[in-house]
C-alpha atoms as a PDB file:
ATOM      1  CA  MET A   1      -5.495  -9.356 -14.114  1.00  0.00           C
ATOM      2  CA  ALA A   2      -2.620 -10.109 -11.751  1.00  0.00           C
ATOM      3  CA  ASP A   3      -3.247 -10.691  -8.068  1.00  0.00           C
ATOM      4  CA  LYS A   4      -2.070  -7.993  -5.683  1.00  0.00           C
ATOM      5  CA  ILE A   5       1.078  -9.037  -3.833  1.00  0.00           C
ATOM      6  CA  GLU A   6       0.869  -8.886  -0.052  1.00  0.00           C
ATOM      7  CA  ILE A   7       3.934  -7.030   1.199  1.00  0.00           C
ATOM      8  CA  ALA A   8       5.590  -8.084   4.474  1.00  0.00           C
ATOM      9  CA  GLU A   9       5.444  -5.611   7.367  1.00  0.00           C
ATOM     10  CA  ASP A  10       9.233  -5.293   7.594  1.00  0.00           C
ATOM     11  CA  ILE A  11       9.395  -4.269   3.928  1.00  0.00           C
ATOM     12  CA  LEU A  12       6.793  -1.558   4.498  1.00  0.00           C
ATOM     13  CA  LYS A  13       9.180   0.043   7.007  1.00  0.00           C
ATOM     14  CA  LEU A  14      12.016   0.349   4.469  1.00  0.00           C
ATOM     15  CA  SER A  15      12.858   3.444   2.498  1.00  0.00           C
ATOM     16  CA  PHE A  16      12.729   3.158  -1.283  1.00  0.00           C
ATOM     17  CA  GLU A  17      16.531   3.114  -1.424  1.00  0.00           C
ATOM     18  CA  GLU A  18      16.807   0.359   1.190  1.00  0.00           C
ATOM     19  CA  ALA A  19      14.223  -1.773  -0.588  1.00  0.00           C
ATOM     20  CA  LEU A  20      15.896  -1.281  -3.959  1.00  0.00           C
ATOM     21  CA  SER A  21      19.291  -2.183  -2.533  1.00  0.00           C
ATOM     22  CA  GLU A  22      17.906  -5.381  -1.005  1.00  0.00           C
ATOM     23  CA  LEU A  23      16.158  -6.235  -4.267  1.00  0.00           C
ATOM     24  CA  GLU A  24      19.424  -5.768  -6.182  1.00  0.00           C
ATOM     25  CA  SER A  25      21.157  -8.058  -3.703  1.00  0.00           C
ATOM     26  CA  ILE A  26      18.497 -10.742  -4.204  1.00  0.00           C
ATOM     27  CA  VAL A  27      18.802 -10.504  -7.980  1.00  0.00           C
ATOM     28  CA  ASP A  28      22.590 -10.874  -7.710  1.00  0.00           C
ATOM     29  CA  ARG A  29      22.231 -13.959  -5.493  1.00  0.00           C
ATOM     30  CA  LEU A  30      19.714 -15.585  -7.808  1.00  0.00           C
ATOM     31  CA  GLU A  31      21.827 -14.844 -10.886  1.00  0.00           C
ATOM     32  CA  THR A  32      24.874 -16.577  -9.411  1.00  0.00           C
ATOM     33  CA  GLY A  33      22.934 -19.813  -9.035  1.00  0.00           C
ATOM     34  CA  ASP A  34      24.709 -20.595  -5.763  1.00  0.00           C
ATOM     35  CA  VAL A  35      21.478 -20.702  -3.749  1.00  0.00           C
ATOM     36  CA  ALA A  36      19.663 -23.924  -2.862  1.00  0.00           C
ATOM     37  CA  LEU A  37      16.249 -24.439  -4.467  1.00  0.00           C
ATOM     38  CA  GLU A  38      14.171 -23.860  -1.326  1.00  0.00           C
ATOM     39  CA  GLU A  39      16.121 -20.727  -0.414  1.00  0.00           C
ATOM     40  CA  SER A  40      15.798 -19.502  -4.014  1.00  0.00           C
ATOM     41  CA  ILE A  41      12.033 -19.785  -3.754  1.00  0.00           C
ATOM     42  CA  GLU A  42      11.976 -17.853  -0.473  1.00  0.00           C
ATOM     43  CA  ILE A  43      14.223 -15.037  -1.658  1.00  0.00           C
ATOM     44  CA  TYR A  44      12.360 -14.862  -4.977  1.00  0.00           C
ATOM     45  CA  LYS A  45       9.139 -14.371  -3.010  1.00  0.00           C
ATOM     46  CA  ARG A  46      10.752 -11.581  -0.976  1.00  0.00           C
ATOM     47  CA  GLY A  47      12.134 -10.067  -4.167  1.00  0.00           C
ATOM     48  CA  SER A  48       8.626  -9.995  -5.633  1.00  0.00           C
ATOM     49  CA  GLN A  49       7.379  -8.162  -2.559  1.00  0.00           C
ATOM     50  CA  LEU A  50      10.271  -5.696  -2.745  1.00  0.00           C
ATOM     51  CA  ARG A  51       9.597  -5.084  -6.450  1.00  0.00           C
ATOM     52  CA  ALA A  52       5.911  -4.416  -5.760  1.00  0.00           C
ATOM     53  CA  TYR A  53       6.805  -2.069  -2.898  1.00  0.00           C
ATOM     54  CA  CYS A  54       9.297  -0.117  -5.028  1.00  0.00           C
ATOM     55  CA  HIS A  55       6.762   0.075  -7.844  1.00  0.00           C
ATOM     56  CA  GLU A  56       4.148   1.556  -5.509  1.00  0.00           C
ATOM     57  CA  LYS A  57       6.655   4.073  -4.136  1.00  0.00           C
ATOM     58  CA  LEU A  58       7.520   5.181  -7.688  1.00  0.00           C
ATOM     59  CA  LYS A  59       3.842   5.479  -8.644  1.00  0.00           C
ATOM     60  CA  SER A  60       3.257   7.618  -5.579  1.00  0.00           C
ATOM     61  CA  ALA A  61       6.207   9.870  -6.410  1.00  0.00           C
ATOM     62  CA  GLN A  62       4.992  10.217 -10.003  1.00  0.00           C
ATOM     63  CA  ALA A  63       1.524  11.219  -8.803  1.00  0.00           C
ATOM     64  CA  LYS A  64       3.038  13.869  -6.527  1.00  0.00           C
ATOM     65  CA  ILE A  65       5.094  15.273  -9.418  1.00  0.00           C
ATOM     66  CA  GLU A  66       2.044  15.357 -11.671  1.00  0.00           C
ATOM     67  CA  LYS A  67       0.129  17.207  -8.969  1.00  0.00           C
ATOM     68  CA  ILE A  68       2.943  19.753  -8.615  1.00  0.00           C
ATOM     69  CA  THR A  69       3.338  20.309 -12.354  1.00  0.00           C
ATOM     70  CA  GLY A  70      -0.414  20.418 -12.900  1.00  0.00           C
ATOM     71  CA  ASP A  71      -0.250  18.453 -16.155  1.00  0.00           C
ATOM     72  CA  GLY A  72      -0.169  14.672 -16.514  1.00  0.00           C
ATOM     73  CA  GLY A  73       3.612  14.574 -16.962  1.00  0.00           C
ATOM     74  CA  THR A  74       6.726  16.598 -17.545  1.00  0.00           C
ATOM     75  CA  ALA A  75       7.914  18.466 -20.603  1.00  0.00           C
ATOM     76  CA  PRO A  76      11.080  17.390 -22.428  1.00  0.00           C
ATOM     77  CA  LEU A  77      14.223  19.247 -21.435  1.00  0.00           C
ATOM     78  CA  ASP A  78      15.197  20.015 -25.029  1.00  0.00           C
ATOM     79  CA  THR A  79      13.151  20.202 -28.203  1.00  0.00           C
ATOM     80  CA  ASP A  80      15.815  19.350 -30.800  1.00  0.00           C
END
């Protein structure tokens, strides 16, 4: 079982969209390879926290939708 990631306080104040945007920016920076090793480690750590935060936000939204629909999911839009 994976350890739970501790999320920084400033990340907890972000909206889902802000966190996702920052995570995308981190991924872009890491993919370019233009970041020094120590900085790469630091931004990777922040990216992991952002990913965990976004994941929790999505799980929460899914639970709310399931509560609204009253069934454990949603029906397909078309049945072709």
